Amino acid sequence: MTSDAPTIDYRLLLESEKSQLQSELSELGYGEGGGLHYDPNFADSSQVTAERGEAEVLAVQLKESLDEVAMALGRLADGSYGHCEACGVAIQPARLEAMPATRFCIDHANRT
């Protein structure tokens, strides 16, 4: 019996998310050395300092998401992708499609 349901290409979803995150980091000025780079001639006022702080928080969040995507690609390669790290049950395809880098089923995601 064949299924009429479309096959989801999780690798494509993850690679697309990876590319998007890298692009956002690049737009923030996140460099290869792992930090944000600012124009040294830019005036350093309290507003600039606040904006830098916000940009740094966003960069950390984007980097963490990028790391999650990289780990998901690793799980895809080793065959453990799509199973909850807490209980081992298969994660629902709709959840994986919405959050391709997720590590937990919906039950365990609500507990962490």
PDB file of N, CA and C in Angstrom:
ATOM      1  N   MET A   1       0.832  -1.183   0.000  1.00  0.00           N
ATOM      2  CA  MET A   1       0.000   0.000   0.000  1.00  0.00           C
ATOM      3  C   MET A   1       0.876   1.245   0.000  1.00  0.00           C
ATOM      4  N   THR A   2       0.625   2.156  -0.891  1.00  0.00           N
ATOM      5  CA  THR A   2       1.411   3.380  -0.973  1.00  0.00           C
ATOM      6  C   THR A   2       0.676   4.519  -0.295  1.00  0.00           C
ATOM      7  N   SER A   3       1.426   5.460   0.184  1.00  0.00           N
ATOM      8  CA  SER A   3       0.852   6.615   0.863  1.00  0.00           C
ATOM      9  C   SER A   3       0.792   7.794  -0.096  1.00  0.00           C
ATOM     10  N   ASP A   4      -0.307   8.545   0.005  1.00  0.00           N
ATOM     11  CA  ASP A   4      -0.442   9.752  -0.807  1.00  0.00           C
ATOM     12  C   ASP A   4       0.169  10.961  -0.106  1.00  0.00           C
ATOM     13  N   ALA A   5       0.588  10.770   1.146  1.00  0.00           N
ATOM     14  CA  ALA A   5       1.173  11.868   1.912  1.00  0.00           C
ATOM     15  C   ALA A   5       2.538  12.233   1.326  1.00  0.00           C
ATOM     16  N   PRO A   6       2.810  13.534   1.228  1.00  0.00           N
ATOM     17  CA  PRO A   6       4.108  13.944   0.687  1.00  0.00           C
ATOM     18  C   PRO A   6       5.238  13.564   1.646  1.00  0.00           C
ATOM     19  N   THR A   7       6.368  13.217   1.083  1.00  0.00           N
ATOM     20  CA  THR A   7       7.539  12.910   1.883  1.00  0.00           C
ATOM     21  C   THR A   7       8.247  14.216   2.215  1.00  0.00           C
ATOM     22  N   ILE A   8       8.538  14.394   3.496  1.00  0.00           N
ATOM     23  CA  ILE A   8       9.185  15.617   3.942  1.00  0.00           C
ATOM     24  C   ILE A   8      10.692  15.415   3.881  1.00  0.00           C
ATOM     25  N   ASP A   9      11.391  16.320   3.231  1.00  0.00           N
ATOM     26  CA  ASP A   9      12.847  16.264   3.150  1.00  0.00           C
ATOM     27  C   ASP A   9      13.416  17.085   4.306  1.00  0.00           C
ATOM     28  N   TYR A  10      13.665  16.403   5.436  1.00  0.00           N
ATOM     29  CA  TYR A  10      14.143  17.092   6.638  1.00  0.00           C
ATOM     30  C   TYR A  10      15.528  17.690   6.435  1.00  0.00           C
ATOM     31  N   ARG A  11      16.358  17.028   5.638  1.00  0.00           N
ATOM     32  CA  ARG A  11      17.687  17.583   5.369  1.00  0.00           C
ATOM     33  C   ARG A  11      17.551  18.944   4.672  1.00  0.00           C
ATOM     34  N   LEU A  12      16.644  19.023   3.718  1.00  0.00           N
ATOM     35  CA  LEU A  12      16.416  20.282   3.009  1.00  0.00           C
ATOM     36  C   LEU A  12      15.900  21.357   3.973  1.00  0.00           C
ATOM     37  N   LEU A  13      14.974  20.984   4.855  1.00  0.00           N
ATOM     38  CA  LEU A  13      14.464  21.937   5.848  1.00  0.00           C
ATOM     39  C   LEU A  13      15.585  22.436   6.755  1.00  0.00           C
ATOM     40  N   LEU A  14      16.421  21.514   7.216  1.00  0.00           N
ATOM     41  CA  LEU A  14      17.520  21.880   8.111  1.00  0.00           C
ATOM     42  C   LEU A  14      18.559  22.739   7.396  1.00  0.00           C
ATOM     43  N   GLU A  15      18.895  22.373   6.170  1.00  0.00           N
ATOM     44  CA  GLU A  15      19.878  23.161   5.412  1.00  0.00           C
ATOM     45  C   GLU A  15      19.347  24.567   5.127  1.00  0.00           C
ATOM     46  N   SER A  16      18.048  24.656   4.853  1.00  0.00           N
ATOM     47  CA  SER A  16      17.428  25.956   4.621  1.00  0.00           C
ATOM     48  C   SER A  16      17.464  26.806   5.892  1.00  0.00           C
ATOM     49  N   GLU A  17      17.146  26.191   7.023  1.00  0.00           N
ATOM     50  CA  GLU A  17      17.197  26.909   8.300  1.00  0.00           C
ATOM     51  C   GLU A  17      18.630  27.332   8.620  1.00  0.00           C
ATOM     52  N   LYS A  18      19.583  26.461   8.346  1.00  0.00           N
ATOM     53  CA  LYS A  18      20.994  26.781   8.576  1.00  0.00           C
ATOM     54  C   LYS A  18      21.414  27.994   7.748  1.00  0.00           C
ATOM     55  N   SER A  19      21.043  27.989   6.495  1.00  0.00           N
ATOM     56  CA  SER A  19      21.383  29.094   5.601  1.00  0.00           C
ATOM     57  C   SER A  19      20.759  30.408   6.078  1.00  0.00           C
ATOM     58  N   GLN A  20      19.504  30.342   6.505  1.00  0.00           N
ATOM     59  CA  GLN A  20      18.804  31.530   6.997  1.00  0.00           C
ATOM     60  C   GLN A  20      19.487  32.084   8.251  1.00  0.00           C
ATOM     61  N   LEU A  21      19.838  31.208   9.181  1.00  0.00           N
ATOM     62  CA  LEU A  21      20.501  31.637  10.413  1.00  0.00           C
ATOM     63  C   LEU A  21      21.872  32.245  10.123  1.00  0.00           C
ATOM     64  N   GLN A  22      22.615  31.640   9.221  1.00  0.00           N
ATOM     65  CA  GLN A  22      23.924  32.180   8.851  1.00  0.00           C
ATOM     66  C   GLN A  22      23.783  33.556   8.215  1.00  0.00           C
ATOM     67  N   SER A  23      22.753  33.718   7.402  1.00  0.00           N
ATOM     68  CA  SER A  23      22.497  35.006   6.766  1.00  0.00           C
ATOM     69  C   SER A  23      22.159  36.074   7.812  1.00  0.00           C
ATOM     70  N   GLU A  24      21.325  35.725   8.772  1.00  0.00           N
ATOM     71  CA  GLU A  24      20.953  36.674   9.825  1.00  0.00           C
ATOM     72  C   GLU A  24      22.163  37.052  10.673  1.00  0.00           C
ATOM     73  N   LEU A  25      23.004  36.079  10.977  1.00  0.00           N
ATOM     74  CA  LEU A  25      24.222  36.374  11.733  1.00  0.00           C
ATOM     75  C   LEU A  25      25.141  37.290  10.949  1.00  0.00           C
ATOM     76  N   SER A  26      25.255  37.043   9.675  1.00  0.00           N
ATOM     77  CA  SER A  26      26.094  37.874   8.817  1.00  0.00           C
ATOM     78  C   SER A  26      25.565  39.311   8.769  1.00  0.00           C
ATOM     79  N   GLU A  27      24.250  39.463   8.673  1.00  0.00           N
ATOM     80  CA  GLU A  27      23.645  40.793   8.649  1.00  0.00           C
ATOM     81  C   GLU A  27      23.915  41.562   9.941  1.00  0.00           C
ATOM     82  N   LEU A  28      24.023  40.828  11.052  1.00  0.00           N
ATOM     83  CA  LEU A  28      24.324  41.471  12.340  1.00  0.00           C
ATOM     84  C   LEU A  28      25.795  41.859  12.452  1.00  0.00           C
ATOM     85  N   GLY A  29      26.605  41.307  11.564  1.00  0.00           N
ATOM     86  CA  GLY A  29      28.035  41.580  11.632  1.00  0.00           C
ATOM     87  C   GLY A  29      28.784  40.542  12.435  1.00  0.00           C
ATOM     88  N   TYR A  30      28.165  39.367  12.618  1.00  0.00           N
ATOM     89  CA  TYR A  30      28.817  38.287  13.359  1.00  0.00           C
ATOM     90  C   TYR A  30      29.932  37.725  12.502  1.00  0.00           C
ATOM     91  N   GLY A  31      31.149  37.841  12.983  1.00  0.00           N
ATOM     92  CA  GLY A  31      32.311  37.461  12.188  1.00  0.00           C
ATOM     93  C   GLY A  31      32.736  36.025  12.372  1.00  0.00           C
ATOM     94  N   GLU A  32      33.694  35.632  11.579  1.00  0.00           N
ATOM     95  CA  GLU A  32      34.239  34.282  11.627  1.00  0.00           C
ATOM     96  C   GLU A  32      34.882  33.979  12.971  1.00  0.00           C
ATOM     97  N   GLY A  33      35.388  35.001  13.631  1.00  0.00           N
ATOM     98  CA  GLY A  33      36.037  34.816  14.928  1.00  0.00           C
ATOM     99  C   GLY A  33      35.063  34.605  16.064  1.00  0.00           C
ATOM    100  N   GLY A  34      33.761  34.670  15.777  1.00  0.00           N
ATOM    101  CA  GLY A  34      32.787  34.376  16.793  1.00  0.00           C
ATOM    102  C   GLY A  34      32.260  35.577  17.546  1.00  0.00           C
ATOM    103  N   GLY A  35      32.422  36.761  17.010  1.00  0.00           N
ATOM    104  CA  GLY A  35      31.906  37.925  17.699  1.00  0.00           C
ATOM    105  C   GLY A  35      31.370  38.950  16.729  1.00  0.00           C
ATOM    106  N   LEU A  36      30.675  39.921  17.289  1.00  0.00           N
ATOM    107  CA  LEU A  36      30.148  41.006  16.473  1.00  0.00           C
ATOM    108  C   LEU A  36      31.237  42.034  16.235  1.00  0.00           C
ATOM    109  N   HIS A  37      31.242  42.606  15.054  1.00  0.00           N
ATOM    110  CA  HIS A  37      32.246  43.608  14.705  1.00  0.00           C
ATOM    111  C   HIS A  37      31.562  44.948  14.481  1.00  0.00           C
ATOM    112  N   TYR A  38      32.119  45.974  15.074  1.00  0.00           N
ATOM    113  CA  TYR A  38      31.560  47.310  14.971  1.00  0.00           C
ATOM    114  C   TYR A  38      32.578  48.244  14.356  1.00  0.00           C
ATOM    115  N   ASP A  39      32.080  49.283  13.728  1.00  0.00           N
ATOM    116  CA  ASP A  39      32.924  50.325  13.161  1.00  0.00           C
ATOM    117  C   ASP A  39      33.593  51.084  14.307  1.00  0.00           C
ATOM    118  N   PRO A  40      34.911  51.070  14.389  1.00  0.00           N
ATOM    119  CA  PRO A  40      35.591  51.735  15.497  1.00  0.00           C
ATOM    120  C   PRO A  40      35.402  53.248  15.488  1.00  0.00           C
ATOM    121  N   ASN A  41      35.002  53.831  14.376  1.00  0.00           N
ATOM    122  CA  ASN A  41      34.791  55.272  14.288  1.00  0.00           C
ATOM    123  C   ASN A  41      33.382  55.688  14.690  1.00  0.00           C
ATOM    124  N   PHE A  42      32.552  54.704  15.012  1.00  0.00           N
ATOM    125  CA  PHE A  42      31.173  54.989  15.374  1.00  0.00           C
ATOM    126  C   PHE A  42      31.122  55.543  16.786  1.00  0.00           C
ATOM    127  N   ALA A  43      30.405  56.632  16.972  1.00  0.00           N
ATOM    128  CA  ALA A  43      30.303  57.268  18.293  1.00  0.00           C
ATOM    129  C   ALA A  43      29.715  56.283  19.298  1.00  0.00           C
ATOM    130  N   ASP A  44      30.228  56.292  20.501  1.00  0.00           N
ATOM    131  CA  ASP A  44      29.798  55.355  21.526  1.00  0.00           C
ATOM    132  C   ASP A  44      28.901  56.073  22.530  1.00  0.00           C
ATOM    133  N   SER A  45      27.635  56.167  22.216  1.00  0.00           N
ATOM    134  CA  SER A  45      26.684  56.793  23.124  1.00  0.00           C
ATOM    135  C   SER A  45      25.921  55.696  23.863  1.00  0.00           C
ATOM    136  N   SER A  46      25.085  56.085  24.798  1.00  0.00           N
ATOM    137  CA  SER A  46      24.320  55.083  25.546  1.00  0.00           C
ATOM    138  C   SER A  46      23.350  54.333  24.630  1.00  0.00           C
ATOM    139  N   GLN A  47      22.799  55.010  23.619  1.00  0.00           N
ATOM    140  CA  GLN A  47      21.899  54.330  22.689  1.00  0.00           C
ATOM    141  C   GLN A  47      22.653  53.286  21.869  1.00  0.00           C
ATOM    142  N   VAL A  48      23.832  53.635  21.418  1.00  0.00           N
ATOM    143  CA  VAL A  48      24.647  52.699  20.655  1.00  0.00           C
ATOM    144  C   VAL A  48      25.000  51.501  21.531  1.00  0.00           C
ATOM    145  N   THR A  49      25.353  51.765  22.785  1.00  0.00           N
ATOM    146  CA  THR A  49      25.691  50.687  23.715  1.00  0.00           C
ATOM    147  C   THR A  49      24.490  49.766  23.910  1.00  0.00           C
ATOM    148  N   ALA A  50      23.306  50.329  24.070  1.00  0.00           N
ATOM    149  CA  ALA A  50      22.095  49.525  24.230  1.00  0.00           C
ATOM    150  C   ALA A  50      21.824  48.694  22.977  1.00  0.00           C
ATOM    151  N   GLU A  51      21.980  49.307  21.819  1.00  0.00           N
ATOM    152  CA  GLU A  51      21.750  48.583  20.564  1.00  0.00           C
ATOM    153  C   GLU A  51      22.774  47.466  20.394  1.00  0.00           C
ATOM    154  N   ARG A  52      23.991  47.711  20.798  1.00  0.00           N
ATOM    155  CA  ARG A  52      25.019  46.661  20.734  1.00  0.00           C
ATOM    156  C   ARG A  52      24.621  45.500  21.633  1.00  0.00           C
ATOM    157  N   GLY A  53      24.141  45.831  22.822  1.00  0.00           N
ATOM    158  CA  GLY A  53      23.716  44.782  23.746  1.00  0.00           C
ATOM    159  C   GLY A  53      22.602  43.933  23.168  1.00  0.00           C
ATOM    160  N   GLU A  54      21.628  44.590  22.551  1.00  0.00           N
ATOM    161  CA  GLU A  54      20.525  43.864  21.916  1.00  0.00           C
ATOM    162  C   GLU A  54      21.029  42.998  20.768  1.00  0.00           C
ATOM    163  N   ALA A  55      21.928  43.536  19.976  1.00  0.00           N
ATOM    164  CA  ALA A  55      22.480  42.779  18.849  1.00  0.00           C
ATOM    165  C   ALA A  55      23.266  41.575  19.344  1.00  0.00           C
ATOM    166  N   GLU A  56      23.995  41.744  20.435  1.00  0.00           N
ATOM    167  CA  GLU A  56      24.782  40.632  20.980  1.00  0.00           C
ATOM    168  C   GLU A  56      23.883  39.529  21.521  1.00  0.00           C
ATOM    169  N   VAL A  57      22.779  39.906  22.186  1.00  0.00           N
ATOM    170  CA  VAL A  57      21.823  38.908  22.677  1.00  0.00           C
ATOM    171  C   VAL A  57      21.215  38.153  21.501  1.00  0.00           C
ATOM    172  N   LEU A  58      20.820  38.882  20.470  1.00  0.00           N
ATOM    173  CA  LEU A  58      20.246  38.249  19.282  1.00  0.00           C
ATOM    174  C   LEU A  58      21.261  37.324  18.615  1.00  0.00           C
ATOM    175  N   ALA A  59      22.515  37.759  18.527  1.00  0.00           N
ATOM    176  CA  ALA A  59      23.558  36.933  17.908  1.00  0.00           C
ATOM    177  C   ALA A  59      23.755  35.638  18.685  1.00  0.00           C
ATOM    178  N   VAL A  60      23.725  35.708  20.005  1.00  0.00           N
ATOM    179  CA  VAL A  60      23.874  34.499  20.835  1.00  0.00           C
ATOM    180  C   VAL A  60      22.708  33.551  20.570  1.00  0.00           C
ATOM    181  N   GLN A  61      21.491  34.081  20.499  1.00  0.00           N
ATOM    182  CA  GLN A  61      20.329  33.245  20.237  1.00  0.00           C
ATOM    183  C   GLN A  61      20.410  32.600  18.850  1.00  0.00           C
ATOM    184  N   LEU A  62      20.821  33.367  17.860  1.00  0.00           N
ATOM    185  CA  LEU A  62      20.958  32.826  16.508  1.00  0.00           C
ATOM    186  C   LEU A  62      22.039  31.759  16.456  1.00  0.00           C
ATOM    187  N   LYS A  63      23.152  31.992  17.147  1.00  0.00           N
ATOM    188  CA  LYS A  63      24.251  31.011  17.182  1.00  0.00           C
ATOM    189  C   LYS A  63      23.796  29.723  17.859  1.00  0.00           C
ATOM    190  N   GLU A  64      23.030  29.844  18.949  1.00  0.00           N
ATOM    191  CA  GLU A  64      22.511  28.653  19.622  1.00  0.00           C
ATOM    192  C   GLU A  64      21.580  27.875  18.699  1.00  0.00           C
ATOM    193  N   SER A  65      20.738  28.589  17.961  1.00  0.00           N
ATOM    194  CA  SER A  65      19.848  27.928  16.998  1.00  0.00           C
ATOM    195  C   SER A  65      20.645  27.244  15.896  1.00  0.00           C
ATOM    196  N   LEU A  66      21.704  27.913  15.439  1.00  0.00           N
ATOM    197  CA  LEU A  66      22.562  27.326  14.414  1.00  0.00           C
ATOM    198  C   LEU A  66      23.234  26.053  14.939  1.00  0.00           C
ATOM    199  N   ASP A  67      23.656  26.068  16.192  1.00  0.00           N
ATOM    200  CA  ASP A  67      24.252  24.872  16.804  1.00  0.00           C
ATOM    201  C   ASP A  67      23.232  23.741  16.890  1.00  0.00           C
ATOM    202  N   GLU A  68      21.974  24.068  17.215  1.00  0.00           N
ATOM    203  CA  GLU A  68      20.908  23.061  17.274  1.00  0.00           C
ATOM    204  C   GLU A  68      20.684  22.436  15.893  1.00  0.00           C
ATOM    205  N   VAL A  69      20.712  23.263  14.863  1.00  0.00           N
ATOM    206  CA  VAL A  69      20.540  22.759  13.497  1.00  0.00           C
ATOM    207  C   VAL A  69      21.705  21.838  13.135  1.00  0.00           C
ATOM    208  N   ALA A  70      22.919  22.226  13.494  1.00  0.00           N
ATOM    209  CA  ALA A  70      24.090  21.387  13.205  1.00  0.00           C
ATOM    210  C   ALA A  70      23.971  20.036  13.916  1.00  0.00           C
ATOM    211  N   MET A  71      23.498  20.052  15.167  1.00  0.00           N
ATOM    212  CA  MET A  71      23.317  18.789  15.888  1.00  0.00           C
ATOM    213  C   MET A  71      22.229  17.941  15.242  1.00  0.00           C
ATOM    214  N   ALA A  72      21.157  18.585  14.761  1.00  0.00           N
ATOM    215  CA  ALA A  72      20.086  17.854  14.082  1.00  0.00           C
ATOM    216  C   ALA A  72      20.599  17.211  12.799  1.00  0.00           C
ATOM    217  N   LEU A  73      21.440  17.930  12.058  1.00  0.00           N
ATOM    218  CA  LEU A  73      22.039  17.349  10.851  1.00  0.00           C
ATOM    219  C   LEU A  73      22.914  16.152  11.211  1.00  0.00           C
ATOM    220  N   GLY A  74      23.596  16.224  12.336  1.00  0.00           N
ATOM    221  CA  GLY A  74      24.389  15.090  12.820  1.00  0.00           C
ATOM    222  C   GLY A  74      23.505  13.895  13.156  1.00  0.00           C
ATOM    223  N   ARG A  75      22.364  14.165  13.811  1.00  0.00           N
ATOM    224  CA  ARG A  75      21.433  13.078  14.139  1.00  0.00           C
ATOM    225  C   ARG A  75      20.850  12.474  12.867  1.00  0.00           C
ATOM    226  N   LEU A  76      20.615  13.317  11.863  1.00  0.00           N
ATOM    227  CA  LEU A  76      20.108  12.831  10.587  1.00  0.00           C
ATOM    228  C   LEU A  76      21.132  11.883   9.957  1.00  0.00           C
ATOM    229  N   ALA A  77      22.396  12.253  10.046  1.00  0.00           N
ATOM    230  CA  ALA A  77      23.473  11.431   9.472  1.00  0.00           C
ATOM    231  C   ALA A  77      23.649  10.114  10.213  1.00  0.00           C
ATOM    232  N   ASP A  78      23.476  10.131  11.547  1.00  0.00           N
ATOM    233  CA  ASP A  78      23.710   8.893  12.302  1.00  0.00           C
ATOM    234  C   ASP A  78      22.456   8.047  12.507  1.00  0.00           C
ATOM    235  N   GLY A  79      21.320   8.529  11.971  1.00  0.00           N
ATOM    236  CA  GLY A  79      20.099   7.740  12.021  1.00  0.00           C
ATOM    237  C   GLY A  79      19.245   7.944  13.265  1.00  0.00           C
ATOM    238  N   SER A  80      19.635   8.844  14.149  1.00  0.00           N
ATOM    239  CA  SER A  80      18.849   9.042  15.371  1.00  0.00           C
ATOM    240  C   SER A  80      17.882  10.225  15.255  1.00  0.00           C
ATOM    241  N   TYR A  81      17.866  10.886  14.114  1.00  0.00           N
ATOM    242  CA  TYR A  81      16.987  12.040  13.907  1.00  0.00           C
ATOM    243  C   TYR A  81      15.526  11.623  13.985  1.00  0.00           C
ATOM    244  N   GLY A  82      14.716  12.489  14.593  1.00  0.00           N
ATOM    245  CA  GLY A  82      13.285  12.262  14.624  1.00  0.00           C
ATOM    246  C   GLY A  82      12.799  11.466  15.812  1.00  0.00           C
ATOM    247  N   HIS A  83      13.697  11.176  16.751  1.00  0.00           N
ATOM    248  CA  HIS A  83      13.315  10.465  17.970  1.00  0.00           C
ATOM    249  C   HIS A  83      13.627  11.334  19.177  1.00  0.00           C
ATOM    250  N   CYS A  84      12.699  11.350  20.110  1.00  0.00           N
ATOM    251  CA  CYS A  84      12.835  12.156  21.314  1.00  0.00           C
ATOM    252  C   CYS A  84      14.060  11.715  22.113  1.00  0.00           C
ATOM    253  N   GLU A  85      14.877  12.685  22.512  1.00  0.00           N
ATOM    254  CA  GLU A  85      16.066  12.374  23.306  1.00  0.00           C
ATOM    255  C   GLU A  85      15.717  11.934  24.720  1.00  0.00           C
ATOM    256  N   ALA A  86      14.522  12.250  25.191  1.00  0.00           N
ATOM    257  CA  ALA A  86      14.129  11.888  26.550  1.00  0.00           C
ATOM    258  C   ALA A  86      13.522  10.493  26.631  1.00  0.00           C
ATOM    259  N   CYS A  87      12.657  10.156  25.676  1.00  0.00           N
ATOM    260  CA  CYS A  87      11.941   8.878  25.773  1.00  0.00           C
ATOM    261  C   CYS A  87      12.163   7.947  24.583  1.00  0.00           C
ATOM    262  N   GLY A  88      12.737   8.456  23.497  1.00  0.00           N
ATOM    263  CA  GLY A  88      13.028   7.628  22.331  1.00  0.00           C
ATOM    264  C   GLY A  88      11.879   7.443  21.363  1.00  0.00           C
ATOM    265  N   VAL A  89      10.704   7.965  21.688  1.00  0.00           N
ATOM    266  CA  VAL A  89       9.554   7.823  20.804  1.00  0.00           C
ATOM    267  C   VAL A  89       9.755   8.693  19.559  1.00  0.00           C
ATOM    268  N   ALA A  90       9.149   8.263  18.463  1.00  0.00           N
ATOM    269  CA  ALA A  90       9.243   9.034  17.223  1.00  0.00           C
ATOM    270  C   ALA A  90       8.500  10.363  17.384  1.00  0.00           C
ATOM    271  N   ILE A  91       9.142  11.435  16.972  1.00  0.00           N
ATOM    272  CA  ILE A  91       8.533  12.763  17.028  1.00  0.00           C
ATOM    273  C   ILE A  91       7.585  12.890  15.840  1.00  0.00           C
ATOM    274  N   GLN A  92       6.426  13.476  16.079  1.00  0.00           N
ATOM    275  CA  GLN A  92       5.416  13.628  15.035  1.00  0.00           C
ATOM    276  C   GLN A  92       5.975  14.414  13.849  1.00  0.00           C
ATOM    277  N   PRO A  93       5.703  13.970  12.617  1.00  0.00           N
ATOM    278  CA  PRO A  93       6.202  14.677  11.431  1.00  0.00           C
ATOM    279  C   PRO A  93       5.803  16.152  11.384  1.00  0.00           C
ATOM    280  N   ALA A  94       4.602  16.486  11.825  1.00  0.00           N
ATOM    281  CA  ALA A  94       4.176  17.890  11.807  1.00  0.00           C
ATOM    282  C   ALA A  94       5.067  18.735  12.714  1.00  0.00           C
ATOM    283  N   ARG A  95       5.470  18.177  13.855  1.00  0.00           N
ATOM    284  CA  ARG A  95       6.365  18.899  14.767  1.00  0.00           C
ATOM    285  C   ARG A  95       7.742  19.067  14.130  1.00  0.00           C
ATOM    286  N   LEU A  96       8.238  18.016  13.498  1.00  0.00           N
ATOM    287  CA  LEU A  96       9.539  18.097  12.828  1.00  0.00           C
ATOM    288  C   LEU A  96       9.508  19.080  11.663  1.00  0.00           C
ATOM    289  N   GLU A  97       8.387  19.129  10.970  1.00  0.00           N
ATOM    290  CA  GLU A  97       8.283  20.063   9.853  1.00  0.00           C
ATOM    291  C   GLU A  97       8.288  21.507  10.362  1.00  0.00           C
ATOM    292  N   ALA A  98       7.602  21.741  11.488  1.00  0.00           N
ATOM    293  CA  ALA A  98       7.532  23.083  12.056  1.00  0.00           C
ATOM    294  C   ALA A  98       8.832  23.476  12.746  1.00  0.00           C
ATOM    295  N   MET A  99       9.477  22.508  13.377  1.00  0.00           N
ATOM    296  CA  MET A  99      10.711  22.751  14.131  1.00  0.00           C
ATOM    297  C   MET A  99      11.712  21.643  13.796  1.00  0.00           C
ATOM    298  N   PRO A 100      12.359  21.703  12.636  1.00  0.00           N
ATOM    299  CA  PRO A 100      13.207  20.604  12.181  1.00  0.00           C
ATOM    300  C   PRO A 100      14.359  20.247  13.125  1.00  0.00           C
ATOM    301  N   ALA A 101      14.807  21.168  13.941  1.00  0.00           N
ATOM    302  CA  ALA A 101      15.938  20.891  14.824  1.00  0.00           C
ATOM    303  C   ALA A 101      15.510  20.408  16.210  1.00  0.00           C
ATOM    304  N   THR A 102      14.205  20.208  16.423  1.00  0.00           N
ATOM    305  CA  THR A 102      13.738  19.816  17.743  1.00  0.00           C
ATOM    306  C   THR A 102      14.341  18.487  18.187  1.00  0.00           C
ATOM    307  N   ARG A 103      14.574  18.392  19.485  1.00  0.00           N
ATOM    308  CA  ARG A 103      15.169  17.178  20.054  1.00  0.00           C
ATOM    309  C   ARG A 103      14.170  16.368  20.866  1.00  0.00           C
ATOM    310  N   PHE A 104      12.981  16.940  21.097  1.00  0.00           N
ATOM    311  CA  PHE A 104      12.025  16.307  21.997  1.00  0.00           C
ATOM    312  C   PHE A 104      10.646  16.194  21.380  1.00  0.00           C
ATOM    313  N   CYS A 105       9.919  15.132  21.786  1.00  0.00           N
ATOM    314  CA  CYS A 105       8.516  15.001  21.427  1.00  0.00           C
ATOM    315  C   CYS A 105       7.768  16.118  22.162  1.00  0.00           C
ATOM    316  N   ILE A 106       6.515  16.331  21.787  1.00  0.00           N
ATOM    317  CA  ILE A 106       5.745  17.421  22.370  1.00  0.00           C
ATOM    318  C   ILE A 106       5.597  17.252  23.881  1.00  0.00           C
ATOM    319  N   ASP A 107       5.442  16.023  24.353  1.00  0.00           N
ATOM    320  CA  ASP A 107       5.293  15.793  25.793  1.00  0.00           C
ATOM    321  C   ASP A 107       6.526  16.225  26.561  1.00  0.00           C
ATOM    322  N   HIS A 108       7.701  15.889  26.059  1.00  0.00           N
ATOM    323  CA  HIS A 108       8.936  16.243  26.764  1.00  0.00           C
ATOM    324  C   HIS A 108       9.373  17.664  26.507  1.00  0.00           C
ATOM    325  N   ALA A 109       8.969  18.256  25.414  1.00  0.00           N
ATOM    326  CA  ALA A 109       9.290  19.660  25.156  1.00  0.00           C
ATOM    327  C   ALA A 109       8.586  20.540  26.174  1.00  0.00           C
ATOM    328  N   ASN A 110       7.402  20.137  26.598  1.00  0.00           N
ATOM    329  CA  ASN A 110       6.654  20.908  27.589  1.00  0.00           C
ATOM    330  C   ASN A 110       7.240  20.761  28.987  1.00  0.00           C
ATOM    331  N   ARG A 111       8.066  19.769  29.214  1.00  0.00           N
ATOM    332  CA  ARG A 111       8.666  19.528  30.533  1.00  0.00           C
ATOM    333  C   ARG A 111      10.006  20.223  30.694  1.00  0.00           C
ATOM    334  N   THR A 112      10.654  20.598  29.583  1.00  0.00           N
ATOM    335  CA  THR A 112      11.986  21.199  29.678  1.00  0.00           C
ATOM    336  C   THR A 112      11.934  22.688  29.697  1.00  0.00           C
TER     337      THR A 112
END
